[in-house]
Amino acid sequence: KLSKLKGEFVYSPQALMGHRIHADSETSAAIDDHTRTREEYEMFCK
């Protein structure tokens, strides 16, 4: 949605934060019940 707006996506290639991957995360749960696959397909259709 924001990509359609006039303005800048300001990016730094420096790795400046750590994202934790763990079994209790919502992403892991959504992979298990196939929610992620359905949502990704809908996004690609955009």
All heavy atoms as atom14 arrays in JSON, in Angstrom:
{
  "sequence": "KLSKLKGEFVYSPQALMGHRIHADSETSAAIDDHTRTREEYEMFCK",
  "atom14_mask": [
    [1, 1, 1, 1, 1, 1, 1, 1, 1, 0, 0, 0, 0, 0],
    [1, 1, 1, 1, 1, 1, 1, 1, 0, 0, 0, 0, 0, 0],
    [1, 1, 1, 1, 1, 1, 0, 0, 0, 0, 0, 0, 0, 0],
    [1, 1, 1, 1, 1, 1, 1, 1, 1, 0, 0, 0, 0, 0],
    [1, 1, 1, 1, 1, 1, 1, 1, 0, 0, 0, 0, 0, 0],
    [1, 1, 1, 1, 1, 1, 1, 1, 1, 0, 0, 0, 0, 0],
    [1, 1, 1, 1, 0, 0, 0, 0, 0, 0, 0, 0, 0, 0],
    [1, 1, 1, 1, 1, 1, 1, 1, 1, 0, 0, 0, 0, 0],
    [1, 1, 1, 1, 1, 1, 1, 1, 1, 1, 1, 0, 0, 0],
    [1, 1, 1, 1, 1, 1, 1, 0, 0, 0, 0, 0, 0, 0],
    [1, 1, 1, 1, 1, 1, 1, 1, 1, 1, 1, 1, 0, 0],
    [1, 1, 1, 1, 1, 1, 0, 0, 0, 0, 0, 0, 0, 0],
    [1, 1, 1, 1, 1, 1, 1, 0, 0, 0, 0, 0, 0, 0],
    [1, 1, 1, 1, 1, 1, 1, 1, 1, 0, 0, 0, 0, 0],
    [1, 1, 1, 1, 1, 0, 0, 0, 0, 0, 0, 0, 0, 0],
    [1, 1, 1, 1, 1, 1, 1, 1, 0, 0, 0, 0, 0, 0],
    [1, 1, 1, 1, 1, 1, 1, 1, 0, 0, 0, 0, 0, 0],
    [1, 1, 1, 1, 0, 0, 0, 0, 0, 0, 0, 0, 0, 0],
    [1, 1, 1, 1, 1, 1, 1, 1, 1, 1, 0, 0, 0, 0],
    [1, 1, 1, 1, 1, 1, 1, 1, 1, 1, 1, 0, 0, 0],
    [1, 1, 1, 1, 1, 1, 1, 1, 0, 0, 0, 0, 0, 0],
    [1, 1, 1, 1, 1, 1, 1, 1, 1, 1, 0, 0, 0, 0],
    [1, 1, 1, 1, 1, 0, 0, 0, 0, 0, 0, 0, 0, 0],
    [1, 1, 1, 1, 1, 1, 1, 1, 0, 0, 0, 0, 0, 0],
    [1, 1, 1, 1, 1, 1, 0, 0, 0, 0, 0, 0, 0, 0],
    [1, 1, 1, 1, 1, 1, 1, 1, 1, 0, 0, 0, 0, 0],
    [1, 1, 1, 1, 1, 1, 1, 0, 0, 0, 0, 0, 0, 0],
    [1, 1, 1, 1, 1, 1, 0, 0, 0, 0, 0, 0, 0, 0],
    [1, 1, 1, 1, 1, 0, 0, 0, 0, 0, 0, 0, 0, 0],
    [1, 1, 1, 1, 1, 0, 0, 0, 0, 0, 0, 0, 0, 0],
    [1, 1, 1, 1, 1, 1, 1, 1, 0, 0, 0, 0, 0, 0],
    [1, 1, 1, 1, 1, 1, 1, 1, 0, 0, 0, 0, 0, 0],
    [1, 1, 1, 1, 1, 1, 1, 1, 0, 0, 0, 0, 0, 0],
    [1, 1, 1, 1, 1, 1, 1, 1, 1, 1, 0, 0, 0, 0],
    [1, 1, 1, 1, 1, 1, 1, 0, 0, 0, 0, 0, 0, 0],
    [1, 1, 1, 1, 1, 1, 1, 1, 1, 1, 1, 0, 0, 0],
    [1, 1, 1, 1, 1, 1, 1, 0, 0, 0, 0, 0, 0, 0],
    [1, 1, 1, 1, 1, 1, 1, 1, 1, 1, 1, 0, 0, 0],
    [1, 1, 1, 1, 1, 1, 1, 1, 1, 0, 0, 0, 0, 0],
    [1, 1, 1, 1, 1, 1, 1, 1, 1, 0, 0, 0, 0, 0],
    [1, 1, 1, 1, 1, 1, 1, 1, 1, 1, 1, 1, 0, 0],
    [1, 1, 1, 1, 1, 1, 1, 1, 1, 0, 0, 0, 0, 0],
    [1, 1, 1, 1, 1, 1, 1, 1, 0, 0, 0, 0, 0, 0],
    [1, 1, 1, 1, 1, 1, 1, 1, 1, 1, 1, 0, 0, 0],
    [1, 1, 1, 1, 1, 1, 0, 0, 0, 0, 0, 0, 0, 0],
    [1, 1, 1, 1, 1, 1, 1, 1, 1, 0, 0, 0, 0, 0]
  ],
  "atom14_positions": [
    [[0.83, -1.2, 0.0], [0.0, 0.0, 0.0], [0.86, 1.26, 0.0], [0.62, 2.19, -0.78], [-0.92, -0.01, 1.23], [-1.81, 1.21, 1.35], [-2.79, 1.08, 2.51], [-2.07, 1.1, 3.85], [-3.02, 1.09, 4.99], [0.0, 0.0, 0.0], [0.0, 0.0, 0.0], [0.0, 0.0, 0.0], [0.0, 0.0, 0.0], [0.0, 0.0, 0.0]],
    [[1.89, 1.28, 0.84], [2.75, 2.46, 0.93], [3.61, 2.64, -0.32], [4.01, 3.76, -0.64], [3.65, 2.36, 2.16], [2.94, 2.31, 3.53], [3.97, 2.29, 4.65], [1.98, 3.48, 3.7], [0.0, 0.0, 0.0], [0.0, 0.0, 0.0], [0.0, 0.0, 0.0], [0.0, 0.0, 0.0], [0.0, 0.0, 0.0], [0.0, 0.0, 0.0]],
    [[3.88, 1.55, -1.03], [4.72, 1.63, -2.23], [4.06, 2.46, -3.32], [4.74, 2.92, -4.26], [5.03, 0.23, -2.76], [3.89, -0.35, -3.39], [0.0, 0.0, 0.0], [0.0, 0.0, 0.0], [0.0, 0.0, 0.0], [0.0, 0.0, 0.0], [0.0, 0.0, 0.0], [0.0, 0.0, 0.0], [0.0, 0.0, 0.0], [0.0, 0.0, 0.0]],
    [[2.76, 2.67, -3.24], [2.04, 3.46, -4.24], [2.15, 4.96, -3.97], [1.82, 5.77, -4.84], [0.56, 3.05, -4.25], [0.31, 1.59, -4.62], [-1.17, 1.27, -4.5], [-1.45, -0.19, -4.79], [-2.89, -0.51, -4.62], [0.0, 0.0, 0.0], [0.0, 0.0, 0.0], [0.0, 0.0, 0.0], [0.0, 0.0, 0.0], [0.0, 0.0, 0.0]],
    [[2.6, 5.32, -2.78], [2.67, 6.73, -2.42], [3.92, 7.4, -2.98], [4.95, 6.75, -3.2], [2.67, 6.88, -0.89], [1.47, 6.3, -0.14], [1.65, 6.51, 1.36], [0.16, 6.9, -0.62], [0.0, 0.0, 0.0], [0.0, 0.0, 0.0], [0.0, 0.0, 0.0], [0.0, 0.0, 0.0], [0.0, 0.0, 0.0], [0.0, 0.0, 0.0]],
    [[3.84, 8.69, -3.17], [5.0, 9.45, -3.6], [5.9, 9.68, -2.4], [5.45, 10.16, -1.35], [4.55, 10.79, -4.19], [5.7, 11.61, -4.77], [5.2, 12.89, -5.41], [6.35, 13.7, -5.99], [5.88, 14.94, -6.64], [0.0, 0.0, 0.0], [0.0, 0.0, 0.0], [0.0, 0.0, 0.0], [0.0, 0.0, 0.0], [0.0, 0.0, 0.0]],
    [[7.15, 9.33, -2.52], [8.09, 9.45, -1.42], [9.13, 8.37, -1.52], [9.21, 7.64, -2.5], [0.0, 0.0, 0.0], [0.0, 0.0, 0.0], [0.0, 0.0, 0.0], [0.0, 0.0, 0.0], [0.0, 0.0, 0.0], [0.0, 0.0, 0.0], [0.0, 0.0, 0.0], [0.0, 0.0, 0.0], [0.0, 0.0, 0.0], [0.0, 0.0, 0.0]],
    [[9.93, 8.23, -0.48], [11.09, 7.34, -0.53], [11.0, 6.19, 0.48], [10.57, 6.38, 1.61], [12.36, 8.15, -0.26], [12.68, 9.15, -1.36], [13.32, 10.41, -0.8], [12.6, 11.22, -0.19], [14.54, 10.57, -0.97], [0.0, 0.0, 0.0], [0.0, 0.0, 0.0], [0.0, 0.0, 0.0], [0.0, 0.0, 0.0], [0.0, 0.0, 0.0]],
    [[11.41, 5.02, 0.04], [11.69, 3.88, 0.9], [13.19, 3.94, 1.2], [14.01, 3.55, 0.38], [11.35, 2.56, 0.2], [9.91, 2.13, 0.33], [8.89, 3.05, 0.49], [9.57, 0.78, 0.28], [7.56, 2.65, 0.6], [8.25, 0.37, 0.4], [7.24, 1.3, 0.55], [0.0, 0.0, 0.0], [0.0, 0.0, 0.0], [0.0, 0.0, 0.0]],
    [[13.54, 4.45, 2.35], [14.94, 4.7, 2.69], [15.55, 3.43, 3.27], [15.08, 2.91, 4.28], [15.05, 5.85, 3.71], [16.5, 6.12, 4.05], [14.38, 7.11, 3.17], [0.0, 0.0, 0.0], [0.0, 0.0, 0.0], [0.0, 0.0, 0.0], [0.0, 0.0, 0.0], [0.0, 0.0, 0.0], [0.0, 0.0, 0.0], [0.0, 0.0, 0.0]],
    [[16.61, 2.94, 2.63], [17.17, 1.63, 2.98], [18.64, 1.75, 3.38], [19.42, 2.44, 2.73], [17.04, 0.69, 1.79], [17.77, -0.63, 1.93], [17.5, -1.5, 2.97], [18.74, -1.0, 0.99], [18.17, -2.72, 3.09], [19.41, -2.22, 1.08], [19.13, -3.07, 2.14], [19.79, -4.27, 2.25], [0.0, 0.0, 0.0], [0.0, 0.0, 0.0]],
    [[18.99, 1.05, 4.46], [20.39, 0.92, 4.86], [20.78, -0.55, 4.77], [20.12, -1.41, 5.36], [20.61, 1.4, 6.3], [21.92, 1.06, 6.73], [0.0, 0.0, 0.0], [0.0, 0.0, 0.0], [0.0, 0.0, 0.0], [0.0, 0.0, 0.0], [0.0, 0.0, 0.0], [0.0, 0.0, 0.0], [0.0, 0.0, 0.0], [0.0, 0.0, 0.0]],
    [[21.87, -0.87, 4.06], [22.31, -2.27, 3.95], [23.03, -2.78, 5.19], [23.46, -3.93, 5.22], [23.24, -2.24, 2.74], [23.78, -0.85, 2.71], [22.67, 0.03, 3.21], [0.0, 0.0, 0.0], [0.0, 0.0, 0.0], [0.0, 0.0, 0.0], [0.0, 0.0, 0.0], [0.0, 0.0, 0.0], [0.0, 0.0, 0.0], [0.0, 0.0, 0.0]],
    [[23.16, -1.94, 6.21], [23.77, -2.39, 7.46], [22.79, -3.26, 8.25], [21.62, -2.9, 8.38], [24.19, -1.2, 8.32], [25.26, -0.33, 7.72], [25.68, 0.76, 8.69], [26.06, 0.5, 9.83], [25.63, 2.01, 8.24], [0.0, 0.0, 0.0], [0.0, 0.0, 0.0], [0.0, 0.0, 0.0], [0.0, 0.0, 0.0], [0.0, 0.0, 0.0]],
    [[23.25, -4.36, 8.78], [22.41, -5.23, 9.62], [22.42, -4.67, 11.04], [23.34, -4.92, 11.81], [22.94, -6.66, 9.6], [0.0, 0.0, 0.0], [0.0, 0.0, 0.0], [0.0, 0.0, 0.0], [0.0, 0.0, 0.0], [0.0, 0.0, 0.0], [0.0, 0.0, 0.0], [0.0, 0.0, 0.0], [0.0, 0.0, 0.0], [0.0, 0.0, 0.0]],
    [[21.38, -3.91, 11.37], [21.37, -3.13, 12.61], [20.36, -3.62, 13.64], [20.16, -2.98, 14.66], [21.07, -1.66, 12.27], [22.14, -0.96, 11.44], [21.65, 0.4, 10.97], [23.42, -0.8, 12.27], [0.0, 0.0, 0.0], [0.0, 0.0, 0.0], [0.0, 0.0, 0.0], [0.0, 0.0, 0.0], [0.0, 0.0, 0.0], [0.0, 0.0, 0.0]],
    [[19.71, -4.74, 13.38], [18.82, -5.3, 14.39], [18.72, -6.81, 14.21], [19.03, -7.34, 13.14], [17.43, -4.64, 14.34], [16.66, -4.73, 13.05], [15.65, -6.25, 12.92], [14.7, -6.14, 14.43], [0.0, 0.0, 0.0], [0.0, 0.0, 0.0], [0.0, 0.0, 0.0], [0.0, 0.0, 0.0], [0.0, 0.0, 0.0], [0.0, 0.0, 0.0]],
    [[18.31, -7.47, 15.27], [18.2, -8.92, 15.27], [16.76, -9.37, 15.42], [16.07, -8.95, 16.36], [0.0, 0.0, 0.0], [0.0, 0.0, 0.0], [0.0, 0.0, 0.0], [0.0, 0.0, 0.0], [0.0, 0.0, 0.0], [0.0, 0.0, 0.0], [0.0, 0.0, 0.0], [0.0, 0.0, 0.0], [0.0, 0.0, 0.0], [0.0, 0.0, 0.0]],
    [[16.32, -10.19, 14.49], [14.94, -10.71, 14.49], [14.98, -12.16, 15.0], [15.65, -13.01, 14.42], [14.37, -10.66, 13.08], [12.98, -11.19, 12.96], [11.95, -10.79, 13.79], [12.44, -12.1, 12.12], [10.84, -11.42, 13.45], [11.12, -12.22, 12.44], [0.0, 0.0, 0.0], [0.0, 0.0, 0.0], [0.0, 0.0, 0.0], [0.0, 0.0, 0.0]],
    [[14.26, -12.4, 16.08], [14.31, -13.71, 16.73], [13.38, -14.7, 16.04], [12.2, -14.42, 15.81], [13.94, -13.59, 18.21], [14.3, -14.84, 19.04], [13.99, -14.6, 20.51], [14.69, -13.45, 21.04], [15.93, -13.46, 21.47], [16.63, -14.58, 21.46], [16.5, -12.35, 21.93], [0.0, 0.0, 0.0], [0.0, 0.0, 0.0], [0.0, 0.0, 0.0]],
    [[13.91, -15.88, 15.72], [13.13, -16.97, 15.15], [12.95, -18.02, 16.24], [13.93, -18.56, 16.76], [13.85, -17.61, 13.95], [14.24, -16.55, 12.91], [12.98, -18.7, 13.31], [13.07, -15.86, 12.26], [0.0, 0.0, 0.0], [0.0, 0.0, 0.0], [0.0, 0.0, 0.0], [0.0, 0.0, 0.0], [0.0, 0.0, 0.0], [0.0, 0.0, 0.0]],
    [[11.71, -18.29, 16.62], [11.49, -19.31, 17.65], [10.16, -20.02, 17.41], [9.29, -19.54, 16.68], [11.53, -18.7, 19.06], [10.54, -17.61, 19.31], [9.26, -17.83, 19.73], [10.66, -16.26, 19.19], [8.63, -16.68, 19.87], [9.45, -15.71, 19.54], [0.0, 0.0, 0.0], [0.0, 0.0, 0.0], [0.0, 0.0, 0.0], [0.0, 0.0, 0.0]],
    [[10.02, -21.18, 18.02], [8.89, -22.06, 17.74], [7.55, -21.47, 18.12], [6.51, -21.86, 17.58], [9.1, -23.4, 18.47], [0.0, 0.0, 0.0], [0.0, 0.0, 0.0], [0.0, 0.0, 0.0], [0.0, 0.0, 0.0], [0.0, 0.0, 0.0], [0.0, 0.0, 0.0], [0.0, 0.0, 0.0], [0.0, 0.0, 0.0], [0.0, 0.0, 0.0]],
    [[7.53, -20.53, 19.06], [6.27, -19.96, 19.53], [5.83, -18.74, 18.73], [4.82, -18.13, 19.05], [6.4, -19.55, 21.02], [6.6, -20.76, 21.91], [6.1, -21.83, 21.56], [7.27, -20.61, 22.96], [0.0, 0.0, 0.0], [0.0, 0.0, 0.0], [0.0, 0.0, 0.0], [0.0, 0.0, 0.0], [0.0, 0.0, 0.0], [0.0, 0.0, 0.0]],
    [[6.58, -18.37, 17.7], [6.24, -17.17, 16.94], [4.99, -17.39, 16.11], [4.64, -18.51, 15.74], [7.39, -16.77, 16.03], [7.52, -17.68, 14.96], [0.0, 0.0, 0.0], [0.0, 0.0, 0.0], [0.0, 0.0, 0.0], [0.0, 0.0, 0.0], [0.0, 0.0, 0.0], [0.0, 0.0, 0.0], [0.0, 0.0, 0.0], [0.0, 0.0, 0.0]],
    [[4.31, -16.3, 15.78], [3.1, -16.36, 14.96], [3.42, -16.88, 13.57], [2.64, -17.61, 12.97], [2.46, -14.97, 14.88], [1.16, -14.94, 14.1], [0.03, -15.71, 14.75], [0.12, -16.04, 15.95], [-0.96, -16.01, 14.04], [0.0, 0.0, 0.0], [0.0, 0.0, 0.0], [0.0, 0.0, 0.0], [0.0, 0.0, 0.0], [0.0, 0.0, 0.0]],
    [[4.58, -16.54, 13.04], [4.97, -17.0, 11.71], [5.09, -18.51, 11.67], [4.6, -19.17, 10.75], [6.31, -16.37, 11.29], [6.17, -14.95, 11.25], [6.74, -16.87, 9.93], [0.0, 0.0, 0.0], [0.0, 0.0, 0.0], [0.0, 0.0, 0.0], [0.0, 0.0, 0.0], [0.0, 0.0, 0.0], [0.0, 0.0, 0.0], [0.0, 0.0, 0.0]],
    [[5.72, -19.09, 12.69], [5.86, -20.54, 12.74], [4.5, -21.23, 12.82], [4.25, -22.24, 12.15], [6.72, -20.95, 13.95], [8.04, -20.47, 13.82], [0.0, 0.0, 0.0], [0.0, 0.0, 0.0], [0.0, 0.0, 0.0], [0.0, 0.0, 0.0], [0.0, 0.0, 0.0], [0.0, 0.0, 0.0], [0.0, 0.0, 0.0], [0.0, 0.0, 0.0]],
    [[3.59, -20.67, 13.63], [2.25, -21.24, 13.75], [1.5, -21.17, 12.43], [0.78, -22.1, 12.04], [1.48, -20.52, 14.85], [0.0, 0.0, 0.0], [0.0, 0.0, 0.0], [0.0, 0.0, 0.0], [0.0, 0.0, 0.0], [0.0, 0.0, 0.0], [0.0, 0.0, 0.0], [0.0, 0.0, 0.0], [0.0, 0.0, 0.0], [0.0, 0.0, 0.0]],
    [[1.64, -20.05, 11.72], [0.92, -19.86, 10.46], [1.45, -20.78, 9.36], [0.71, -21.16, 8.46], [1.02, -18.41, 10.02], [0.0, 0.0, 0.0], [0.0, 0.0, 0.0], [0.0, 0.0, 0.0], [0.0, 0.0, 0.0], [0.0, 0.0, 0.0], [0.0, 0.0, 0.0], [0.0, 0.0, 0.0], [0.0, 0.0, 0.0], [0.0, 0.0, 0.0]],
    [[2.72, -21.14, 9.41], [3.26, -22.11, 8.47], [2.65, -23.47, 8.72], [2.24, -24.18, 7.79], [4.8, -22.17, 8.57], [5.42, -20.88, 8.04], [5.35, -23.36, 7.79], [6.91, -20.77, 8.26], [0.0, 0.0, 0.0], [0.0, 0.0, 0.0], [0.0, 0.0, 0.0], [0.0, 0.0, 0.0], [0.0, 0.0, 0.0], [0.0, 0.0, 0.0]],
    [[2.53, -23.84, 9.99], [1.99, -25.14, 10.34], [0.55, -25.33, 9.87], [0.17, -26.42, 9.44], [2.06, -25.36, 11.87], [3.5, -25.54, 12.36], [4.36, -25.89, 11.52], [3.75, -25.3, 13.55], [0.0, 0.0, 0.0], [0.0, 0.0, 0.0], [0.0, 0.0, 0.0], [0.0, 0.0, 0.0], [0.0, 0.0, 0.0], [0.0, 0.0, 0.0]],
    [[-0.28, -24.29, 9.92], [-1.68, -24.45, 9.53], [-1.97, -23.91, 8.12], [-3.13, -23.74, 7.74], [-2.62, -23.81, 10.56], [-2.52, -22.29, 10.61], [-1.88, -21.7, 9.71], [-3.09, -21.69, 11.54], [0.0, 0.0, 0.0], [0.0, 0.0, 0.0], [0.0, 0.0, 0.0], [0.0, 0.0, 0.0], [0.0, 0.0, 0.0], [0.0, 0.0, 0.0]],
    [[-0.92, -23.64, 7.34], [-1.01, -23.26, 5.92], [-1.61, -21.87, 5.69], [-1.9, -21.5, 4.55], [-1.8, -24.31, 5.13], [-1.25, -25.7, 5.26], [-0.02, -26.06, 4.76], [-1.77, -26.8, 5.88], [0.2, -27.33, 5.05], [-0.83, -27.8, 5.71], [0.0, 0.0, 0.0], [0.0, 0.0, 0.0], [0.0, 0.0, 0.0], [0.0, 0.0, 0.0]],
    [[-1.79, -21.11, 6.75], [-2.3, -19.74, 6.58], [-1.35, -18.92, 5.74], [-1.77, -18.14, 4.87], [-2.49, -19.08, 7.96], [-3.48, -19.8, 8.68], [-2.93, -17.63, 7.81], [0.0, 0.0, 0.0], [0.0, 0.0, 0.0], [0.0, 0.0, 0.0], [0.0, 0.0, 0.0], [0.0, 0.0, 0.0], [0.0, 0.0, 0.0], [0.0, 0.0, 0.0]],
    [[-0.07, -19.1, 5.96], [0.91, -18.29, 5.26], [0.85, -18.51, 3.75], [0.91, -17.56, 2.97], [2.31, -18.59, 5.78], [3.38, -17.78, 5.09], [4.72, -17.87, 5.77], [5.71, -17.07, 5.06], [6.92, -16.83, 5.52], [7.28, -17.3, 6.69], [7.77, -16.11, 4.82], [0.0, 0.0, 0.0], [0.0, 0.0, 0.0], [0.0, 0.0, 0.0]],
    [[0.71, -19.77, 3.33], [0.65, -20.07, 1.91], [-0.53, -19.37, 1.25], [-0.4, -18.78, 0.16], [0.55, -21.59, 1.68], [1.71, -22.22, 2.23], [0.45, -21.92, 0.21], [0.0, 0.0, 0.0], [0.0, 0.0, 0.0], [0.0, 0.0, 0.0], [0.0, 0.0, 0.0], [0.0, 0.0, 0.0], [0.0, 0.0, 0.0], [0.0, 0.0, 0.0]],
    [[-1.68, -19.41, 1.89], [-2.88, -18.76, 1.34], [-2.68, -17.25, 1.25], [-3.02, -16.63, 0.22], [-4.09, -19.09, 2.21], [-5.36, -18.35, 1.78], [-6.53, -18.71, 2.67], [-6.26, -18.47, 4.08], [-6.3, -17.28, 4.65], [-6.58, -16.2, 3.93], [-6.05, -17.15, 5.94], [0.0, 0.0, 0.0], [0.0, 0.0, 0.0], [0.0, 0.0, 0.0]],
    [[-2.16, -16.65, 2.29], [-1.99, -15.2, 2.3], [-0.94, -14.75, 1.27], [-1.12, -13.72, 0.61], [-1.61, -14.73, 3.7], [-2.73, -14.89, 4.72], [-2.38, -14.3, 6.07], [-1.28, -13.72, 6.2], [-3.19, -14.43, 7.0], [0.0, 0.0, 0.0], [0.0, 0.0, 0.0], [0.0, 0.0, 0.0], [0.0, 0.0, 0.0], [0.0, 0.0, 0.0]],
    [[0.13, -15.5, 1.14], [1.16, -15.14, 0.17], [0.6, -15.19, -1.25], [0.9, -14.32, -2.08], [2.37, -16.06, 0.3], [3.2, -15.78, 1.54], [4.37, -16.7, 1.7], [4.38, -17.78, 1.06], [5.29, -16.37, 2.47], [0.0, 0.0, 0.0], [0.0, 0.0, 0.0], [0.0, 0.0, 0.0], [0.0, 0.0, 0.0], [0.0, 0.0, 0.0]],
    [[-0.22, -16.2, -1.54], [-0.84, -16.29, -2.87], [-1.7, -15.06, -3.13], [-1.63, -14.47, -4.23], [-1.69, -17.56, -2.97], [-2.59, -17.58, -4.18], [-2.06, -17.7, -5.47], [-3.97, -17.47, -4.04], [-2.88, -17.69, -6.58], [-4.8, -17.47, -5.14], [-4.25, -17.59, -6.41], [-5.07, -17.56, -7.51], [0.0, 0.0, 0.0], [0.0, 0.0, 0.0]],
    [[-2.48, -14.63, -2.16], [-3.31, -13.44, -2.33], [-2.46, -12.2, -2.58], [-2.82, -11.33, -3.39], [-4.2, -13.24, -1.1], [-5.29, -14.28, -0.95], [-6.17, -14.03, 0.26], [-6.1, -12.91, 0.83], [-6.93, -14.93, 0.64], [0.0, 0.0, 0.0], [0.0, 0.0, 0.0], [0.0, 0.0, 0.0], [0.0, 0.0, 0.0], [0.0, 0.0, 0.0]],
    [[-1.32, -12.11, -1.91], [-0.44, -10.97, -2.12], [0.17, -10.99, -3.53], [0.24, -9.95, -4.2], [0.67, -10.94, -1.07], [0.22, -10.47, 0.31], [-0.48, -8.79, 0.28], [0.84, -7.84, -0.47], [0.0, 0.0, 0.0], [0.0, 0.0, 0.0], [0.0, 0.0, 0.0], [0.0, 0.0, 0.0], [0.0, 0.0, 0.0], [0.0, 0.0, 0.0]],
    [[0.6, -12.15, -3.99], [1.17, -12.22, -5.33], [0.14, -11.83, -6.39], [0.49, -11.27, -7.43], [1.72, -13.62, -5.61], [3.02, -13.92, -4.92], [3.14, -15.01, -4.07], [4.13, -13.11, -5.11], [4.33, -15.29, -3.43], [5.33, -13.37, -4.47], [5.43, -14.47, -3.63], [0.0, 0.0, 0.0], [0.0, 0.0, 0.0], [0.0, 0.0, 0.0]],
    [[-1.13, -12.1, -6.11], [-2.19, -11.74, -7.05], [-2.35, -10.22, -7.18], [-2.97, -9.74, -8.15], [-3.52, -12.36, -6.62], [-3.63, -14.14, -6.93], [0.0, 0.0, 0.0], [0.0, 0.0, 0.0], [0.0, 0.0, 0.0], [0.0, 0.0, 0.0], [0.0, 0.0, 0.0], [0.0, 0.0, 0.0], [0.0, 0.0, 0.0], [0.0, 0.0, 0.0]],
    [[-1.82, -9.46, -6.24], [-1.86, -8.0, -6.35], [-0.89, -7.48, -7.42], [-1.0, -6.34, -7.87], [-1.52, -7.36, -4.99], [-2.54, -7.61, -3.89], [-2.08, -6.97, -2.59], [-3.05, -7.27, -1.43], [-4.32, -6.54, -1.6], [0.0, 0.0, 0.0], [0.0, 0.0, 0.0], [0.0, 0.0, 0.0], [0.0, 0.0, 0.0], [0.0, 0.0, 0.0]]
  ]
}
